[in-house]
Amino acid sequence: MGLRVMGVARIGDSLRVLEMTADELDDLQQHGQPIQEIADVNSHGEEVVAIQNPANRRIGDSRAGQMGQSRQVAHDRQDDWEYVLVKEGGSQPCDDRSVQAGEFCQLEDQLDRPPFGTNLTYSVERYTRYSQTSGTSGVPLRWLDTNEGWSWMVANWERVLNSSGVTRADRIFFAVSFGPFLGFWTAFEAGTRLGCLCIPGGGMSTGARLRTMHDNAVTVLCCTPTYAMRLGESAAEEGIDLTRIAVRTIIVAGEPGAGIPSVRSRIEHLWPHAKLKDHHGMTEIGPVSYECPVTRRLLHVMDGEFISEVVDPATGGRLSPVDTGELVLTNLGRAASPLIRYRTGDIVKQAAEVPCACGSYEMALEGGIIGRTDDMVVIRGVNVHPSAVEEIMRGFEEVAEYRVEVATRSSMPELSLCVEPVSGYLETDDLIRRIQSGFRGAFNLRVPVNIAAAGALPRFELKARRWIKDGADGD
């Protein structure tokens, strides 16, 4: 059994995901591809080899890996370095997937070549896991994984749990229904790897979940930000004292929320004894980030597992660290369904301070995921992001739930709100006035507000769908 090379490399002008033997890698050198190798070890015990073309200069930048260990990685990774993973095992050559170095990976081919498109390294028989996106922004993407790729994602979630202070003594409750959406599947398995008691909460009412957490002395809750608020509000309605529930950590994912100050404040008010931790990932790319253990509302990208960039959403050009732009990722541990320079659609702002206050050199995202390139609407010339609306609405404790209605059929799109007050709240005229004032202050827009009856608006476990565009569900 020899060494097998897997991961991302640049051959000529193309970035490729490859699987080959070490001897085959040597052949590249012998055929006009001089290669310089610098070995390192990533968080899964796999040797990482950086390959440098002689035409490129080395720009070293010490970045902290897991457990605070430093590693030499590229300061400008797409321009100067290429990465491959070296694993023990036999040679099993596969088709490579390539993309020109100046281009971005696209996924539209699932529509043209259903059901899985062409982004598979192996035949379908090699895959053991099926997932699909939530479909809140369009047709769901279907995603397949091998055992190796799945294990890589579970290990990423182990790091999320570790950074959140979770230990084998904790009991983790997953307040989600485990369907095809990747969601917290890998988080559940990561918890079992750590030795935690993991309790699934699928198929339960909100009240039953609260009772289960109480009866089983649950210490860690995993759910979406929206559902963390729903649990807290339901506890208050049912007279359940959350200070008597042992939950000390809430890890949220699936939608922006923990990075929005008013949402974070609302959750922490409802759960006074729990600390809130953020995380983000994508079904097609894998678990990506963890919240800084020192600085709140700051996400670290797991640089040992991804090549990360921030680009101008309009031009695709590189941005300086302090600019706001779109996150582009290349995953290094999912070679059976790789994504190279994938435009995530997530809007982020990279923190300029390196190293972080926690000592990490990994890419840091201020405020987490700020928004998405595909969810912004333009109302009378004003750019309106759902995260900005969420920030306003969660500033009103009197609001139990809300819905945004966007009418785009006319030449001038209009935005209106449907608001459901908390149970028993009667001062609706005053609430409407204050909400409208908040929108005028933030956007200089006059927004009509209608009041909904108690319980009229839907509640959400996974990604909330509060935006309705011309009568169709939006994000």
Protein backbone atom coordinates (compact mmCIF):
# COMPACT_ATOMS: atom_id res chain seq x y z
CA MET A 1 0.00 0.00 0.00
CA GLY A 2 1.52 3.29 -1.06
CA LEU A 3 0.67 6.90 -0.48
CA ARG A 4 -2.41 8.23 -2.25
CA VAL A 5 -2.67 11.93 -3.10
CA MET A 6 -6.11 13.51 -2.82
CA GLY A 7 -7.24 17.11 -2.80
CA VAL A 8 -6.60 20.29 -4.77
CA ALA A 9 -3.66 21.01 -7.04
CA ARG A 10 -2.91 23.28 -9.99
CA ILE A 11 -1.72 21.61 -13.15
CA GLY A 12 -0.84 24.21 -15.77
CA ASP A 13 -3.62 26.80 -15.73
CA SER A 14 -6.23 24.59 -14.07
CA LEU A 15 -7.14 23.89 -10.47
CA ARG A 16 -8.02 20.21 -10.06
CA VAL A 17 -9.16 17.70 -7.51
CA LEU A 18 -6.98 14.64 -8.00
CA GLU A 19 -6.44 11.15 -6.68
CA MET A 20 -3.12 9.57 -7.62
CA THR A 21 -0.19 7.67 -6.18
CA ALA A 22 2.94 9.39 -4.94
CA ASP A 23 4.78 7.82 -7.91
CA GLU A 24 2.34 9.48 -10.29
CA LEU A 25 2.98 12.78 -8.55
CA ASP A 26 6.69 12.24 -9.13
CA ASP A 27 5.96 11.70 -12.82
CA LEU A 28 4.60 15.25 -13.00
CA GLN A 29 8.01 16.51 -11.91
CA GLN A 30 9.76 14.41 -14.55
CA HIS A 31 7.54 15.82 -17.30
CA GLY A 32 8.25 19.50 -16.92
CA GLN A 33 6.35 20.25 -13.72
CA PRO A 34 8.99 21.14 -11.08
CA ILE A 35 7.31 20.82 -7.70
CA GLN A 36 8.35 21.96 -4.24
CA GLU A 37 6.65 20.18 -1.36
CA ILE A 38 6.21 21.43 2.20
CA ALA A 39 4.52 18.90 4.49
CA ASP A 40 2.17 19.66 7.35
CA VAL A 41 -0.55 17.77 9.25
CA ASN A 42 -4.16 18.89 9.29
CA SER A 43 -6.71 18.37 12.05
CA HIS A 44 -7.53 14.82 10.91
CA GLY A 45 -3.97 13.52 11.00
CA GLU A 46 -3.59 13.66 7.21
CA GLU A 47 -0.41 15.06 5.73
CA VAL A 48 -0.94 18.26 3.79
CA VAL A 49 1.49 19.01 0.99
CA ALA A 50 1.75 22.47 -0.55
CA ILE A 51 2.93 22.35 -4.16
CA GLN A 52 4.58 25.42 -5.62
CA ASN A 53 5.33 26.15 -9.24
CA PRO A 54 8.76 27.75 -9.77
CA ALA A 55 7.12 30.72 -11.50
CA ASN A 56 5.32 31.59 -8.29
CA ARG A 57 7.01 33.13 -5.29
CA ARG A 58 6.48 31.88 -1.81
CA ILE A 59 4.62 34.26 0.47
CA GLY A 60 4.58 32.66 3.90
CA ASP A 61 2.02 33.54 6.56
CA SER A 62 1.89 31.77 9.88
CA ARG A 63 -1.71 30.79 10.61
CA ALA A 64 -2.87 28.86 13.65
CA GLY A 65 -4.31 25.41 13.11
CA GLN A 66 -6.29 23.29 15.52
CA MET A 67 -5.09 23.25 19.13
CA GLY A 68 -3.18 26.48 18.52
CA GLN A 69 -0.43 24.92 16.40
CA SER A 70 1.02 27.17 13.70
CA ARG A 71 1.43 26.11 10.12
CA GLN A 72 2.92 27.65 7.02
CA VAL A 73 0.20 28.28 4.48
CA ALA A 74 -0.13 30.66 1.60
CA HIS A 75 -0.90 34.31 2.23
CA ASP A 76 -2.37 34.46 -1.27
CA ARG A 77 -3.37 30.87 -1.70
CA GLN A 78 -5.01 30.89 -5.10
CA ASP A 79 -2.10 32.74 -6.73
CA ASP A 80 0.91 31.17 -5.02
CA TRP A 81 0.14 27.73 -3.63
CA GLU A 82 -1.77 24.58 -4.34
CA TYR A 83 -2.77 21.92 -1.82
CA VAL A 84 -3.07 18.15 -1.89
CA LEU A 85 -3.77 15.63 0.85
CA VAL A 86 -1.49 12.62 1.26
CA LYS A 87 -3.17 9.56 2.79
CA GLU A 88 -2.18 6.00 3.40
CA GLY A 89 -3.88 3.58 1.03
CA GLY A 90 -3.78 1.97 -2.35
CA SER A 91 -3.96 3.66 -5.71
CA GLN A 92 -7.47 4.00 -7.10
CA PRO A 93 -7.23 6.43 -10.02
CA CYS A 94 -10.34 8.46 -10.72
CA ASP A 95 -11.54 11.11 -13.11
CA ASP A 96 -10.31 14.60 -12.22
CA ARG A 97 -12.52 17.65 -12.05
CA SER A 98 -10.93 20.88 -13.19
CA VAL A 99 -11.77 24.56 -13.41
CA GLN A 100 -9.65 27.30 -14.88
CA ALA A 101 -7.78 29.20 -12.17
CA GLY A 102 -9.60 32.45 -12.94
CA GLU A 103 -13.07 30.88 -12.97
CA PHE A 104 -15.56 29.77 -10.32
CA CYS A 105 -17.28 26.46 -9.81
CA GLN A 106 -20.94 26.44 -10.92
CA LEU A 107 -23.67 23.91 -10.10
CA GLU A 108 -26.33 24.51 -12.74
CA ASP A 109 -25.60 21.15 -14.40
CA GLN A 110 -27.95 19.31 -11.99
CA LEU A 111 -30.82 20.78 -13.96
CA ASP A 112 -29.26 19.70 -17.25
CA ARG A 113 -28.10 16.27 -16.05
CA PRO A 114 -30.48 15.16 -13.29
CA PRO A 115 -30.51 13.94 -10.66
CA PHE A 116 -26.89 14.52 -9.50
CA GLY A 117 -25.17 16.46 -12.28
CA THR A 118 -21.53 15.83 -13.22
CA ASN A 119 -19.75 16.84 -10.02
CA LEU A 120 -19.12 13.25 -8.90
CA THR A 121 -15.62 11.79 -8.83
CA TYR A 122 -16.83 8.18 -8.76
CA SER A 123 -19.78 6.16 -9.99
CA VAL A 124 -22.90 6.50 -7.84
CA GLU A 125 -22.34 3.03 -6.36
CA ARG A 126 -19.39 4.38 -4.33
CA TYR A 127 -21.57 6.85 -2.40
CA THR A 128 -23.31 6.08 0.90
CA ARG A 129 -24.93 9.38 1.99
CA TYR A 130 -27.62 11.52 0.36
CA SER A 131 -28.42 15.12 1.32
CA GLN A 132 -30.22 18.01 -0.31
CA THR A 133 -30.46 21.72 0.31
CA SER A 134 -33.55 23.24 1.88
CA GLY A 135 -34.62 24.81 -1.42
CA THR A 136 -35.50 28.15 0.18
CA SER A 137 -33.75 29.96 -2.69
CA GLY A 138 -34.87 27.75 -5.58
CA VAL A 139 -34.71 24.12 -6.73
CA PRO A 140 -33.00 21.94 -4.07
CA LEU A 141 -29.48 20.69 -4.79
CA ARG A 142 -28.89 16.96 -4.27
CA TRP A 143 -25.56 15.98 -2.76
CA LEU A 144 -23.84 12.60 -2.40
CA ASP A 145 -20.97 11.67 -0.07
CA THR A 146 -18.70 8.71 0.47
CA ASN A 147 -17.87 7.48 3.97
CA GLU A 148 -14.57 9.37 3.76
CA GLY A 149 -16.18 12.69 2.84
CA TRP A 150 -18.85 12.27 5.50
CA SER A 151 -16.20 11.52 8.14
CA TRP A 152 -14.38 14.74 7.16
CA MET A 153 -17.55 16.75 7.77
CA VAL A 154 -18.14 15.06 11.12
CA ALA A 155 -14.57 15.96 12.16
CA ASN A 156 -15.24 19.59 11.21
CA TRP A 157 -18.27 19.57 13.50
CA GLU A 158 -16.14 18.07 16.27
CA ARG A 159 -14.10 21.25 16.09
CA VAL A 160 -17.26 23.36 16.33
CA LEU A 161 -18.24 21.50 19.49
CA ASN A 162 -14.75 21.71 20.97
CA SER A 163 -14.53 25.45 20.36
CA SER A 164 -17.93 25.87 22.05
CA GLY A 165 -16.64 24.19 25.20
CA VAL A 166 -18.57 20.94 24.74
CA THR A 167 -17.08 17.90 26.53
CA ARG A 168 -17.98 14.23 26.86
CA ALA A 169 -19.84 15.11 30.08
CA ASP A 170 -22.44 17.11 28.12
CA ARG A 171 -25.85 15.97 26.96
CA ILE A 172 -26.79 17.43 23.58
CA PHE A 173 -30.37 17.88 22.40
CA PHE A 174 -31.03 18.36 18.67
CA ALA A 175 -34.30 20.28 18.26
CA VAL A 176 -34.67 19.46 14.56
CA SER A 177 -36.46 16.93 12.40
CA PHE A 178 -33.82 14.84 10.66
CA GLY A 179 -34.86 14.90 7.01
CA PRO A 180 -32.73 15.04 3.82
CA PHE A 181 -31.51 18.57 4.67
CA LEU A 182 -27.93 18.07 5.95
CA GLY A 183 -28.68 20.30 8.93
CA PHE A 184 -27.38 18.81 12.16
CA TRP A 185 -26.79 15.23 10.94
CA THR A 186 -23.01 15.59 11.08
CA ALA A 187 -23.25 17.50 14.36
CA PHE A 188 -25.12 14.56 15.92
CA GLU A 189 -22.40 12.12 14.87
CA ALA A 190 -19.69 14.52 16.04
CA GLY A 191 -21.31 14.56 19.47
CA THR A 192 -21.26 10.78 19.66
CA ARG A 193 -17.58 10.78 18.64
CA LEU A 194 -16.83 13.09 21.57
CA GLY A 195 -18.63 10.69 23.90
CA CYS A 196 -21.65 12.94 24.56
CA LEU A 197 -25.15 11.63 25.15
CA CYS A 198 -26.95 12.82 21.97
CA ILE A 199 -30.74 13.07 22.06
CA PRO A 200 -32.72 13.48 18.80
CA GLY A 201 -35.75 15.78 18.93
CA GLY A 202 -37.45 14.92 15.65
CA GLY A 203 -41.20 14.32 15.58
CA MET A 204 -41.82 16.24 18.83
CA SER A 205 -43.92 19.27 19.61
CA THR A 206 -42.20 22.32 21.05
CA GLY A 207 -43.64 21.54 24.49
CA ALA A 208 -42.44 17.93 24.32
CA ARG A 209 -38.95 19.12 23.42
CA LEU A 210 -38.84 21.45 26.41
CA ARG A 211 -39.94 18.64 28.72
CA THR A 212 -37.37 16.26 27.23
CA MET A 213 -34.60 18.77 27.82
CA HIS A 214 -35.72 19.25 31.40
CA ASP A 215 -36.23 15.56 32.22
CA ASN A 216 -32.87 14.51 30.73
CA ALA A 217 -30.80 17.37 32.19
CA VAL A 218 -29.73 18.51 28.71
CA THR A 219 -26.76 20.93 28.80
CA VAL A 220 -26.31 21.76 25.09
CA LEU A 221 -29.04 22.72 22.60
CA CYS A 222 -28.54 22.63 18.81
CA CYS A 223 -31.13 24.33 16.59
CA THR A 224 -31.71 27.31 14.31
CA PRO A 225 -31.76 30.84 15.80
CA THR A 226 -35.46 31.13 14.96
CA TYR A 227 -36.28 27.95 16.83
CA ALA A 228 -34.18 28.92 19.85
CA MET A 229 -36.46 31.96 20.13
CA ARG A 230 -39.56 29.83 19.58
CA LEU A 231 -38.55 27.45 22.39
CA GLY A 232 -37.96 30.37 24.74
CA GLU A 233 -41.26 32.04 23.90
CA SER A 234 -43.19 28.75 24.26
CA ALA A 235 -41.60 28.15 27.65
CA ALA A 236 -42.86 31.54 28.81
CA GLU A 237 -46.36 30.82 27.45
CA GLU A 238 -46.50 27.44 29.21
CA GLY A 239 -45.06 28.74 32.46
CA ILE A 240 -41.81 26.76 32.16
CA ASP A 241 -38.90 28.38 34.00
CA LEU A 242 -35.87 28.07 31.70
CA THR A 243 -33.53 28.74 34.60
CA ARG A 244 -34.55 25.28 35.86
CA ILE A 245 -33.40 23.66 32.61
CA ALA A 246 -29.70 22.75 32.62
CA VAL A 247 -28.90 24.14 29.12
CA ARG A 248 -25.69 26.17 29.36
CA THR A 249 -24.75 26.34 25.64
CA ILE A 250 -26.90 26.92 22.55
CA ILE A 251 -25.24 26.25 19.18
CA VAL A 252 -27.22 27.73 16.28
CA ALA A 253 -26.86 27.19 12.54
CA GLY A 254 -28.95 26.98 9.38
CA GLU A 255 -29.62 30.72 8.98
CA PRO A 256 -28.12 34.06 10.00
CA GLY A 257 -29.15 35.08 13.48
CA ALA A 258 -26.48 34.80 16.14
CA GLY A 259 -24.48 37.45 14.26
CA ILE A 260 -27.42 39.89 14.35
CA PRO A 261 -27.23 41.87 17.63
CA SER A 262 -30.97 42.08 18.31
CA VAL A 263 -31.51 38.37 17.59
CA ARG A 264 -28.60 37.40 19.81
CA SER A 265 -29.90 39.65 22.58
CA ARG A 266 -33.40 38.18 22.26
CA ILE A 267 -32.17 34.58 22.54
CA GLU A 268 -29.89 35.35 25.48
CA HIS A 269 -32.75 37.17 27.24
CA LEU A 270 -35.01 34.13 26.82
CA TRP A 271 -32.23 31.71 27.91
CA PRO A 272 -30.48 33.71 30.67
CA HIS A 273 -28.12 30.93 31.80
CA ALA A 274 -26.96 29.85 28.33
CA LYS A 275 -24.15 31.15 26.16
CA LEU A 276 -24.90 31.40 22.43
CA LYS A 277 -22.50 30.02 19.81
CA ASP A 278 -22.75 30.52 16.06
CA HIS A 279 -21.71 28.24 13.19
CA HIS A 280 -22.27 28.17 9.46
CA GLY A 281 -21.91 25.68 6.66
CA MET A 282 -23.61 24.55 3.47
CA THR A 283 -24.92 21.19 2.30
CA GLU A 284 -22.79 21.34 -0.82
CA ILE A 285 -19.56 22.64 0.79
CA GLY A 286 -19.67 21.18 4.33
CA PRO A 287 -19.31 22.63 7.86
CA VAL A 288 -17.22 25.78 7.44
CA SER A 289 -16.83 27.89 10.57
CA TYR A 290 -16.96 28.12 14.35
CA GLU A 291 -17.50 31.10 16.64
CA CYS A 292 -14.38 32.64 18.14
CA PRO A 293 -14.09 31.56 21.80
CA VAL A 294 -13.02 35.10 22.78
CA THR A 295 -14.79 37.57 20.45
CA ARG A 296 -18.57 37.37 20.13
CA ARG A 297 -20.17 37.57 16.68
CA LEU A 298 -16.89 36.54 14.99
CA LEU A 299 -16.72 33.36 12.91
CA HIS A 300 -13.43 31.61 12.08
CA VAL A 301 -13.22 29.68 8.80
CA MET A 302 -11.47 26.34 9.32
CA ASP A 303 -8.45 27.21 7.20
CA GLY A 304 -6.98 23.72 7.49
CA GLU A 305 -10.01 22.36 5.63
CA PHE A 306 -10.79 25.12 3.12
CA ILE A 307 -9.12 27.55 0.76
CA SER A 308 -11.09 30.74 1.39
CA GLU A 309 -11.35 34.01 -0.53
CA VAL A 310 -13.54 37.12 -0.40
CA VAL A 311 -14.45 38.59 -3.81
CA ASP A 312 -16.49 41.42 -5.25
CA PRO A 313 -19.96 39.88 -5.93
CA ALA A 314 -20.30 41.87 -9.17
CA THR A 315 -16.85 41.39 -10.71
CA GLY A 316 -15.40 38.35 -8.96
CA GLY A 317 -12.23 40.33 -8.25
CA ARG A 318 -10.25 39.94 -5.04
CA LEU A 319 -11.01 42.28 -2.16
CA SER A 320 -8.79 43.56 0.63
CA PRO A 321 -9.39 42.02 4.07
CA VAL A 322 -11.45 44.93 5.40
CA ASP A 323 -13.90 45.04 2.47
CA THR A 324 -17.33 43.38 2.45
CA GLY A 325 -17.79 40.79 -0.29
CA GLU A 326 -18.82 37.27 -1.24
CA LEU A 327 -17.19 34.24 0.39
CA VAL A 328 -15.60 31.80 -2.08
CA LEU A 329 -14.53 28.37 -0.82
CA THR A 330 -12.61 25.31 -1.97
CA ASN A 331 -13.14 22.30 0.29
CA LEU A 332 -10.16 19.98 0.85
CA GLY A 333 -11.77 16.91 2.40
CA ARG A 334 -14.67 16.03 0.13
CA ALA A 335 -12.77 14.71 -2.86
CA ALA A 336 -15.65 12.48 -3.98
CA SER A 337 -17.87 15.55 -4.57
CA PRO A 338 -15.41 18.46 -4.68
CA LEU A 339 -16.10 22.14 -5.04
CA ILE A 340 -13.31 24.40 -6.29
CA ARG A 341 -13.63 28.17 -5.93
CA TYR A 342 -17.34 27.85 -5.14
CA ARG A 343 -19.25 31.09 -4.91
CA THR A 344 -21.28 30.52 -1.74
CA GLY A 345 -23.50 33.59 -2.12
CA ASP A 346 -22.73 34.50 1.50
CA ILE A 347 -21.86 38.15 2.14
CA VAL A 348 -19.09 38.54 4.73
CA LYS A 349 -16.58 41.05 6.07
CA GLN A 350 -13.11 39.70 6.77
CA ALA A 351 -11.56 41.01 9.98
CA ALA A 352 -8.29 42.86 9.47
CA GLU A 353 -6.69 41.98 12.82
CA VAL A 354 -4.29 39.01 12.59
CA PRO A 355 -3.86 37.11 14.79
CA CYS A 356 -7.28 37.17 16.42
CA ALA A 357 -7.64 37.88 20.14
CA CYS A 358 -8.01 34.12 20.62
CA GLY A 359 -4.60 33.56 19.00
CA SER A 360 -5.94 32.07 15.75
CA TYR A 361 -4.59 33.12 12.34
CA GLU A 362 -7.60 31.66 10.54
CA MET A 363 -9.82 33.89 8.42
CA ALA A 364 -12.23 35.75 10.71
CA LEU A 365 -15.65 37.02 9.61
CA GLU A 366 -17.01 40.00 11.54
CA GLY A 367 -20.69 39.59 12.31
CA GLY A 368 -20.74 36.11 10.78
CA ILE A 369 -22.83 35.85 7.62
CA ILE A 370 -24.11 39.36 6.93
CA GLY A 371 -26.50 38.39 4.14
CA ARG A 372 -26.70 36.67 0.77
CA THR A 373 -26.21 37.89 -2.76
CA ASP A 374 -29.53 36.38 -3.83
CA ASP A 375 -31.81 37.64 -1.04
CA MET A 376 -31.41 41.39 -1.35
CA VAL A 377 -34.33 43.37 -2.77
CA VAL A 378 -34.26 46.92 -4.08
CA ILE A 379 -37.14 49.08 -2.84
CA ARG A 380 -37.28 52.59 -4.35
CA GLY A 381 -33.55 52.52 -4.96
CA VAL A 382 -32.70 51.25 -1.46
CA ASN A 383 -30.91 47.91 -0.98
CA VAL A 384 -32.79 45.92 1.67
CA HIS A 385 -31.25 42.72 3.11
CA PRO A 386 -33.35 40.30 5.20
CA SER A 387 -30.72 40.41 7.96
CA ALA A 388 -31.23 44.19 8.28
CA VAL A 389 -35.00 43.70 8.55
CA GLU A 390 -34.45 40.97 11.15
CA GLU A 391 -32.28 43.35 13.17
CA ILE A 392 -35.12 45.89 13.29
CA MET A 393 -37.93 43.44 14.01
CA ARG A 394 -36.15 41.54 16.79
CA GLY A 395 -35.60 44.84 18.53
CA PHE A 396 -39.32 44.79 19.45
CA GLU A 397 -40.04 42.31 22.25
CA GLU A 398 -43.74 42.76 21.49
CA VAL A 399 -43.32 40.98 18.11
CA ALA A 400 -43.85 37.22 18.25
CA GLU A 401 -43.44 36.64 14.49
CA TYR A 402 -43.53 38.59 11.26
CA ARG A 403 -43.72 38.20 7.49
CA VAL A 404 -42.34 40.43 4.75
CA GLU A 405 -44.37 40.77 1.56
CA VAL A 406 -42.64 42.07 -1.58
CA ALA A 407 -44.74 43.03 -4.59
CA THR A 408 -42.57 43.12 -7.72
CA ARG A 409 -45.18 42.95 -10.48
CA SER A 410 -45.28 46.72 -10.90
CA SER A 411 -42.42 48.85 -12.23
CA MET A 412 -41.71 50.01 -8.66
CA PRO A 413 -41.44 47.12 -6.12
CA GLU A 414 -43.17 47.66 -2.79
CA LEU A 415 -42.50 46.13 0.63
CA SER A 416 -45.02 45.62 3.44
CA LEU A 417 -45.07 43.81 6.79
CA CYS A 418 -47.49 41.46 8.51
CA VAL A 419 -46.78 41.41 12.25
CA GLU A 420 -48.08 39.04 14.92
CA PRO A 421 -47.79 40.54 18.43
CA VAL A 422 -47.04 38.40 21.48
CA SER A 423 -50.03 36.87 23.19
CA GLY A 424 -52.11 39.41 25.12
CA TYR A 425 -50.49 42.52 23.65
CA LEU A 426 -53.15 45.12 22.82
CA GLU A 427 -51.29 48.36 22.01
CA THR A 428 -51.07 47.49 18.31
CA ASP A 429 -51.38 51.06 17.00
CA ASP A 430 -48.35 52.11 19.02
CA LEU A 431 -46.42 49.03 17.83
CA ILE A 432 -47.19 49.84 14.19
CA ARG A 433 -45.99 53.42 14.68
CA ARG A 434 -42.70 52.34 16.27
CA ILE A 435 -42.00 49.69 13.61
CA GLN A 436 -42.63 52.20 10.83
CA SER A 437 -40.34 54.66 12.58
CA GLY A 438 -37.61 51.99 12.72
CA PHE A 439 -37.84 51.41 8.96
CA ARG A 440 -37.78 55.12 8.20
CA GLY A 441 -34.64 55.50 10.31
CA ALA A 442 -32.86 52.51 8.75
CA PHE A 443 -33.93 52.78 5.10
CA ASN A 444 -35.81 56.09 4.74
CA LEU A 445 -38.77 54.02 3.56
CA ARG A 446 -42.43 54.18 4.50
CA VAL A 447 -43.46 50.56 5.06
CA PRO A 448 -47.13 49.57 5.57
CA VAL A 449 -47.64 47.33 8.64
CA ASN A 450 -50.62 45.01 9.15
CA ILE A 451 -51.43 43.14 12.37
CA ALA A 452 -52.05 39.38 12.33
CA ALA A 453 -54.07 37.45 14.88
CA ALA A 454 -52.29 35.38 17.54
CA GLY A 455 -50.96 32.16 16.02
CA ALA A 456 -51.76 33.22 12.45
CA LEU A 457 -48.17 33.25 11.16
CA PRO A 458 -46.17 30.02 10.74
CA ARG A 459 -43.33 28.95 13.03
CA PHE A 460 -40.15 27.33 11.72
CA GLU A 461 -37.72 24.61 12.85
CA LEU A 462 -35.19 24.88 10.05
CA LYS A 463 -34.61 27.86 7.76
CA ALA A 464 -37.31 30.45 8.32
CA ARG A 465 -39.30 31.56 5.26
CA ARG A 466 -40.51 34.98 6.24
CA TRP A 467 -40.22 36.66 2.83
CA ILE A 468 -43.11 36.35 0.37
CA LYS A 469 -42.55 37.63 -3.14
CA ASP A 470 -45.69 38.15 -5.22
CA GLY A 471 -47.44 35.40 -3.36
CA ALA A 472 -44.61 32.85 -3.59
CA ASP A 473 -42.47 31.73 -0.65
CA GLY A 474 -39.12 33.47 -0.46
CA ASP A 475 -36.10 33.14 1.75
